[in-house]
Amino acid sequence: MNNTAERLSAGASVGNLLGKYWLAILTVATYLVLAALAPSFRTFSNLMTILISACVICISGLGLTCILSTGELDFGAGTELAAGTVIYGLILGYTPIKSIWLALLITIAFMAVYGALNAFLHIKLKIPAFIATFALSYLLKGAGQIVMTKVCKGYTTLYNQRGWPDDFGFFGQSYIGPIPVAVIVLIVVCALVFMYTEGTKWGRYLYAVGANPRACDYLGINSNFQKFLGFVLCAVLCGLAGVLQASMTKTSTITCGDSALMSGLSVMMIGATFLKPGVFNVAGTIVGALLVAMLNNGLVIVGLTQWLRDLISALILLAAIVMVVVFKHRASK
């Protein structure tokens, strides 16, 4: 009996470990397979390319993770990313401000106010979050198109404007030694968000509110304030991702974030199978973004057609969603 119990316990422990870390195992296995199929995939320059391509989707995904952790969803994440590109481009192209750092700070401040407005509509006016954020995103998108049309003399997209300073592309195209600045930004943002969510009581409150907001109120945790922080963090991080995208492409347009919401949700769903199975978490989102960027890059290098690349990506996302459902079902028992 004791031996049987020990074997069952050992099997359960192995199963739990695989359940927590299978995404990391899949990511490493994917890298090894692609590296074997295409030696150029494993070069340092290509690894940097993968990390650069992961920047925008990872940072916006982290923003969505912060709000999803509280049990709410920001449907305007894509528009917030696009707004980041537009505000950054307009400030540097059509105002006396030519400092990319000041333009970055102003963009982040604007997005923080926008996130607070999302929170106000949901928390104070009791409008469901998905309705409030969806409606406000259309208002922001429409306002952005009007401003772009008026200020830019009929154009709704800015391409490498003459008024932009020479270092407009610093965040997205410059290097410090062999390391792209965009990768440094990604590492810093990931580290800060991870330390906040995992290393501070305020960050842990985000998860607690998402798990049981009523219990949090009984324990003295202000669930509404945590949701407020979630909305603000989501808008700020999506706006920062937009600044990076504008800097990478030297383009600003209010429509560039149309697919960002689905991309962010995809890496979150994949990431919810890592470390905290069934729970949206920062570490999982980071690994999920790296896996998606690696697949997008590696499958092109291998030479697969577009429909095969889409098929493989869809199968991985479907598997992640199934795993999330299974983990949540097991946790509820």
Protein backbone atom coordinates (compact mmCIF):
# COMPACT_ATOMS: atom_id res chain seq x y z
CA MET A 1 0.00 0.00 0.00
CA ASN A 2 2.78 2.38 0.96
CA ASN A 3 4.64 1.68 -2.29
CA THR A 4 1.49 2.26 -4.32
CA ALA A 5 0.80 5.53 -2.51
CA GLU A 6 4.39 6.65 -3.07
CA ARG A 7 4.17 5.85 -6.80
CA LEU A 8 0.90 7.74 -7.11
CA SER A 9 2.39 10.68 -5.24
CA ALA A 10 5.49 10.66 -7.45
CA GLY A 11 3.31 10.46 -10.57
CA ALA A 12 1.20 13.39 -9.36
CA SER A 13 4.34 15.43 -8.66
CA VAL A 14 5.70 14.77 -12.15
CA GLY A 15 2.31 15.64 -13.62
CA ASN A 16 2.22 18.91 -11.69
CA LEU A 17 5.72 19.81 -12.83
CA LEU A 18 4.85 19.08 -16.46
CA GLY A 19 1.65 21.07 -16.08
CA LYS A 20 3.56 24.09 -14.76
CA TYR A 21 6.51 24.01 -17.12
CA TRP A 22 5.27 22.36 -20.31
CA LEU A 23 5.24 25.69 -22.16
CA ALA A 24 8.92 26.24 -21.39
CA ILE A 25 9.64 22.68 -22.53
CA LEU A 26 7.67 23.30 -25.73
CA THR A 27 9.54 26.56 -26.36
CA VAL A 28 12.94 24.89 -25.94
CA ALA A 29 11.88 21.95 -28.11
CA THR A 30 10.61 24.33 -30.82
CA TYR A 31 13.92 26.17 -30.79
CA LEU A 32 15.91 22.92 -31.11
CA VAL A 33 13.75 21.66 -33.98
CA LEU A 34 13.92 24.92 -35.93
CA ALA A 35 17.66 25.23 -35.27
CA ALA A 36 18.18 21.74 -36.64
CA LEU A 37 16.05 22.40 -39.73
CA ALA A 38 17.62 25.79 -40.51
CA PRO A 39 21.14 26.53 -39.16
CA SER A 40 20.66 30.23 -39.91
CA PHE A 41 17.86 30.28 -37.34
CA ARG A 42 20.29 29.92 -34.43
CA THR A 43 22.63 32.77 -35.36
CA PHE A 44 22.99 35.63 -32.90
CA SER A 45 21.64 38.19 -35.34
CA ASN A 46 18.51 36.11 -35.94
CA LEU A 47 17.99 35.63 -32.21
CA MET A 48 18.06 39.41 -31.84
CA THR A 49 15.56 39.66 -34.70
CA ILE A 50 13.25 37.27 -32.84
CA LEU A 51 13.48 39.34 -29.67
CA ILE A 52 12.83 42.56 -31.59
CA SER A 53 9.74 41.05 -33.18
CA ALA A 54 8.54 39.96 -29.73
CA CYS A 55 8.80 43.47 -28.25
CA VAL A 56 5.47 44.96 -29.30
CA ILE A 57 3.34 41.86 -28.80
CA CYS A 58 5.00 41.05 -25.46
CA ILE A 59 4.66 44.52 -23.93
CA SER A 60 1.06 44.94 -25.05
CA GLY A 61 0.40 41.39 -23.83
CA LEU A 62 1.78 42.34 -20.41
CA GLY A 63 -0.67 45.23 -20.30
CA LEU A 64 -3.56 42.89 -21.04
CA THR A 65 -2.24 40.47 -18.42
CA CYS A 66 -2.42 43.19 -15.76
CA ILE A 67 -6.10 43.89 -16.44
CA LEU A 68 -7.08 40.24 -17.07
CA SER A 69 -5.52 39.36 -13.73
CA THR A 70 -8.20 41.46 -12.05
CA GLY A 71 -10.98 39.61 -13.89
CA GLU A 72 -11.70 42.41 -16.40
CA LEU A 73 -10.83 42.90 -20.08
CA ASP A 74 -9.76 45.99 -21.99
CA PHE A 75 -11.16 45.70 -25.52
CA GLY A 76 -9.41 48.93 -26.49
CA ALA A 77 -5.87 47.59 -26.16
CA GLY A 78 -5.25 47.71 -29.91
CA THR A 79 -6.46 51.29 -30.17
CA GLU A 80 -4.29 52.23 -27.18
CA LEU A 81 -1.27 50.83 -28.99
CA ALA A 82 -2.16 52.82 -32.10
CA ALA A 83 -2.70 55.95 -30.00
CA GLY A 84 0.83 55.55 -28.67
CA THR A 85 2.23 55.68 -32.21
CA VAL A 86 0.11 58.71 -33.13
CA ILE A 87 0.77 60.79 -30.01
CA TYR A 88 4.52 60.11 -30.19
CA GLY A 89 4.62 61.00 -33.91
CA LEU A 90 2.48 64.12 -33.59
CA ILE A 91 4.46 65.51 -30.66
CA LEU A 92 7.79 65.14 -32.43
CA GLY A 93 6.52 66.20 -35.83
CA TYR A 94 4.07 69.02 -35.09
CA THR A 95 5.15 70.63 -31.80
CA PRO A 96 8.33 72.43 -30.69
CA ILE A 97 9.21 69.35 -28.63
CA LYS A 98 12.01 67.39 -30.31
CA SER A 99 13.18 65.29 -27.35
CA ILE A 100 12.20 61.66 -27.79
CA TRP A 101 12.36 61.17 -24.01
CA LEU A 102 9.95 64.01 -23.30
CA ALA A 103 7.66 62.79 -26.08
CA LEU A 104 7.74 59.33 -24.51
CA LEU A 105 6.81 60.71 -21.08
CA ILE A 106 3.94 62.77 -22.50
CA THR A 107 2.63 59.74 -24.40
CA ILE A 108 2.76 57.58 -21.28
CA ALA A 109 1.02 60.31 -19.23
CA PHE A 110 -1.76 60.58 -21.82
CA MET A 111 -2.26 56.83 -21.84
CA ALA A 112 -2.38 56.76 -18.03
CA VAL A 113 -5.19 59.32 -18.09
CA TYR A 114 -6.97 57.28 -20.77
CA GLY A 115 -6.66 54.15 -18.64
CA ALA A 116 -8.06 56.05 -15.67
CA LEU A 117 -11.04 57.09 -17.81
CA ASN A 118 -11.67 53.43 -18.68
CA ALA A 119 -11.61 52.65 -14.97
CA PHE A 120 -14.00 55.52 -14.19
CA LEU A 121 -16.57 54.31 -16.70
CA HIS A 122 -16.45 50.79 -15.31
CA ILE A 123 -15.97 51.35 -11.57
CA LYS A 124 -17.92 54.54 -10.95
CA LEU A 125 -20.57 54.42 -13.67
CA LYS A 126 -20.91 50.62 -13.41
CA ILE A 127 -20.66 50.10 -17.17
CA PRO A 128 -19.43 46.56 -17.97
CA ALA A 129 -15.73 46.74 -18.74
CA PHE A 130 -15.94 45.20 -22.21
CA ILE A 131 -18.63 47.72 -23.24
CA ALA A 132 -16.89 50.73 -21.69
CA THR A 133 -13.48 49.97 -23.18
CA PHE A 134 -14.92 49.01 -26.57
CA ALA A 135 -16.97 52.22 -26.85
CA LEU A 136 -14.16 54.44 -25.59
CA SER A 137 -11.70 52.87 -28.01
CA TYR A 138 -13.93 53.85 -30.94
CA LEU A 139 -14.13 57.38 -29.57
CA LEU A 140 -10.34 57.50 -29.29
CA LYS A 141 -9.88 56.06 -32.77
CA GLY A 142 -12.32 58.54 -34.29
CA ALA A 143 -10.73 61.46 -32.47
CA GLY A 144 -7.31 60.29 -33.62
CA GLN A 145 -8.41 60.17 -37.24
CA ILE A 146 -9.89 63.68 -37.00
CA VAL A 147 -6.73 65.07 -35.42
CA MET A 148 -4.49 63.36 -37.97
CA THR A 149 -6.63 64.66 -40.85
CA LYS A 150 -6.69 68.23 -39.55
CA VAL A 151 -3.10 68.50 -38.36
CA CYS A 152 -1.50 66.51 -41.16
CA LYS A 153 -3.46 68.18 -43.97
CA GLY A 154 -5.60 65.24 -44.94
CA TYR A 155 -3.15 62.43 -44.20
CA THR A 156 -4.05 59.79 -41.62
CA THR A 157 -0.64 58.12 -41.63
CA LEU A 158 2.76 59.68 -41.00
CA TYR A 159 5.72 58.15 -42.81
CA ASN A 160 9.20 59.26 -41.75
CA GLN A 161 8.19 62.92 -41.38
CA ARG A 162 10.74 65.62 -42.15
CA GLY A 163 9.94 67.30 -38.85
CA TRP A 164 10.88 64.24 -36.84
CA PRO A 165 14.28 64.41 -35.11
CA ASP A 166 17.07 62.19 -36.34
CA ASP A 167 16.81 59.97 -33.25
CA PHE A 168 13.08 59.28 -33.77
CA GLY A 169 13.93 55.62 -34.36
CA PHE A 170 16.25 55.32 -31.35
CA PHE A 171 13.99 53.00 -29.33
CA GLY A 172 13.24 50.71 -32.24
CA GLN A 173 16.23 50.80 -34.58
CA SER A 174 19.34 51.70 -32.57
CA TYR A 175 21.90 49.41 -30.98
CA ILE A 176 24.03 49.60 -27.85
CA GLY A 177 26.95 47.43 -28.83
CA PRO A 178 25.50 44.28 -30.42
CA ILE A 179 22.22 44.55 -28.49
CA PRO A 180 19.22 46.38 -30.02
CA VAL A 181 17.77 49.13 -27.81
CA ALA A 182 14.31 47.59 -28.37
CA VAL A 183 15.52 44.36 -26.73
CA ILE A 184 16.89 46.32 -23.76
CA VAL A 185 13.53 48.09 -23.42
CA LEU A 186 11.77 44.72 -23.57
CA ILE A 187 13.99 43.23 -20.86
CA VAL A 188 13.59 46.25 -18.57
CA VAL A 189 9.80 46.37 -18.98
CA CYS A 190 9.43 42.62 -18.44
CA ALA A 191 11.62 42.77 -15.32
CA LEU A 192 9.71 45.73 -13.85
CA VAL A 193 6.27 44.26 -14.49
CA PHE A 194 7.35 40.84 -13.19
CA MET A 195 8.81 42.35 -10.01
CA TYR A 196 5.66 44.40 -9.49
CA THR A 197 3.23 41.52 -9.93
CA GLU A 198 5.26 38.85 -8.15
CA GLY A 199 7.35 40.82 -5.67
CA THR A 200 5.00 43.43 -4.23
CA LYS A 201 1.77 43.14 -2.30
CA TRP A 202 0.05 45.50 -4.75
CA GLY A 203 0.95 43.22 -7.63
CA ARG A 204 -0.24 40.13 -5.81
CA TYR A 205 -3.50 41.92 -5.04
CA LEU A 206 -4.19 41.99 -8.80
CA TYR A 207 -4.32 38.20 -8.85
CA ALA A 208 -6.31 38.08 -5.62
CA VAL A 209 -8.98 40.43 -6.99
CA GLY A 210 -9.28 38.38 -10.16
CA ALA A 211 -9.70 35.19 -8.13
CA ASN A 212 -12.30 36.49 -5.64
CA PRO A 213 -13.06 40.24 -5.48
CA ARG A 214 -15.70 39.86 -2.77
CA ALA A 215 -13.32 38.02 -0.47
CA CYS A 216 -10.72 40.74 -1.09
CA ASP A 217 -13.18 43.41 0.05
CA TYR A 218 -13.81 41.44 3.24
CA LEU A 219 -10.05 41.22 3.83
CA GLY A 220 -9.61 44.97 3.41
CA ILE A 221 -8.20 44.86 -0.13
CA ASN A 222 -9.82 47.55 -2.26
CA SER A 223 -10.78 45.57 -5.36
CA ASN A 224 -11.94 48.69 -7.23
CA PHE A 225 -8.56 50.36 -6.72
CA GLN A 226 -6.76 47.28 -7.98
CA LYS A 227 -8.95 47.27 -11.09
CA PHE A 228 -8.15 50.95 -11.53
CA LEU A 229 -4.44 50.10 -11.46
CA GLY A 230 -5.06 47.28 -13.94
CA PHE A 231 -6.74 49.59 -16.46
CA VAL A 232 -4.01 52.21 -16.11
CA LEU A 233 -1.19 49.67 -16.45
CA CYS A 234 -2.83 48.16 -19.52
CA ALA A 235 -3.18 51.52 -21.27
CA VAL A 236 0.35 52.63 -20.35
CA LEU A 237 2.01 49.41 -21.51
CA CYS A 238 0.00 49.32 -24.75
CA GLY A 239 0.93 52.95 -25.37
CA LEU A 240 4.59 52.12 -24.75
CA ALA A 241 4.31 49.25 -27.23
CA GLY A 242 2.92 51.76 -29.71
CA VAL A 243 5.90 54.07 -29.22
CA LEU A 244 8.21 51.13 -29.90
CA GLN A 245 6.29 50.24 -33.05
CA ALA A 246 6.41 53.82 -34.32
CA SER A 247 10.13 53.92 -33.63
CA MET A 248 10.73 50.59 -35.39
CA THR A 249 8.75 51.41 -38.53
CA LYS A 250 9.01 55.23 -38.47
CA THR A 251 5.28 55.26 -39.04
CA SER A 252 2.36 56.63 -37.03
CA THR A 253 -1.24 55.70 -37.77
CA ILE A 254 -4.36 55.25 -35.68
CA THR A 255 -5.26 51.97 -37.44
CA CYS A 256 -2.00 50.11 -36.81
CA GLY A 257 -3.33 48.39 -33.69
CA ASP A 258 -6.33 46.67 -35.26
CA SER A 259 -4.83 43.20 -34.76
CA ALA A 260 -2.99 43.96 -31.51
CA LEU A 261 -5.85 42.85 -29.24
CA MET A 262 -6.01 39.37 -30.75
CA SER A 263 -2.21 39.05 -30.73
CA GLY A 264 -2.05 40.07 -27.08
CA LEU A 265 -4.86 37.71 -26.12
CA SER A 266 -3.14 34.88 -28.00
CA VAL A 267 0.14 35.15 -26.09
CA MET A 268 -1.82 35.49 -22.84
CA MET A 269 -3.80 32.33 -23.52
CA ILE A 270 -0.61 30.47 -24.34
CA GLY A 271 1.09 31.96 -21.28
CA ALA A 272 -1.73 30.92 -18.94
CA THR A 273 -0.44 27.34 -19.21
CA PHE A 274 2.93 28.28 -17.67
CA LEU A 275 3.97 28.44 -14.01
CA LYS A 276 0.42 29.16 -12.79
CA PRO A 277 -1.72 26.86 -14.93
CA GLY A 278 -5.10 28.38 -15.67
CA VAL A 279 -4.08 31.83 -14.43
CA PHE A 280 -3.00 34.75 -16.61
CA ASN A 281 0.48 35.67 -15.40
CA VAL A 282 3.41 37.84 -16.46
CA ALA A 283 6.01 35.07 -16.75
CA GLY A 284 3.68 33.03 -18.94
CA THR A 285 2.93 35.98 -21.21
CA ILE A 286 6.65 36.59 -21.71
CA VAL A 287 7.33 32.95 -22.62
CA GLY A 288 4.23 32.87 -24.83
CA ALA A 289 5.37 35.97 -26.72
CA LEU A 290 8.82 34.48 -27.26
CA LEU A 291 7.29 31.24 -28.56
CA VAL A 292 5.03 33.09 -31.01
CA ALA A 293 7.89 35.30 -32.24
CA MET A 294 10.14 32.26 -32.60
CA LEU A 295 7.53 30.37 -34.62
CA ASN A 296 6.78 33.35 -36.87
CA ASN A 297 10.48 33.76 -37.58
CA GLY A 298 11.51 30.12 -37.79
CA LEU A 299 8.68 28.90 -39.99
CA VAL A 300 9.49 31.59 -42.54
CA ILE A 301 13.17 30.62 -42.54
CA VAL A 302 12.27 26.94 -42.92
CA GLY A 303 10.22 27.93 -45.97
CA LEU A 304 6.70 26.91 -45.03
CA THR A 305 3.83 28.52 -46.90
CA GLN A 306 1.58 31.07 -45.21
CA TRP A 307 -1.31 28.67 -44.73
CA LEU A 308 0.94 26.09 -43.05
CA ARG A 309 2.35 28.76 -40.72
CA ASP A 310 -1.16 29.87 -39.83
CA LEU A 311 -2.22 26.26 -39.28
CA ILE A 312 0.63 25.51 -36.89
CA SER A 313 0.11 28.75 -34.96
CA ALA A 314 -3.64 28.07 -34.70
CA LEU A 315 -3.04 24.51 -33.44
CA ILE A 316 -0.68 25.76 -30.74
CA LEU A 317 -3.18 28.43 -29.65
CA LEU A 318 -6.00 25.87 -29.60
CA ALA A 319 -3.89 23.51 -27.52
CA ALA A 320 -3.12 26.35 -25.09
CA ILE A 321 -6.80 27.22 -24.73
CA VAL A 322 -7.68 23.58 -24.09
CA MET A 323 -4.94 23.35 -21.47
CA VAL A 324 -6.22 26.50 -19.73
CA VAL A 325 -9.75 25.07 -19.61
CA VAL A 326 -8.47 21.74 -18.27
CA PHE A 327 -6.36 23.38 -15.58
CA LYS A 328 -9.24 25.62 -14.48
CA HIS A 329 -11.57 22.62 -14.37
CA ARG A 330 -9.12 20.67 -12.23
CA ALA A 331 -8.61 23.65 -9.91
CA SER A 332 -12.37 24.03 -9.38
CA LYS A 333 -12.73 20.43 -8.13
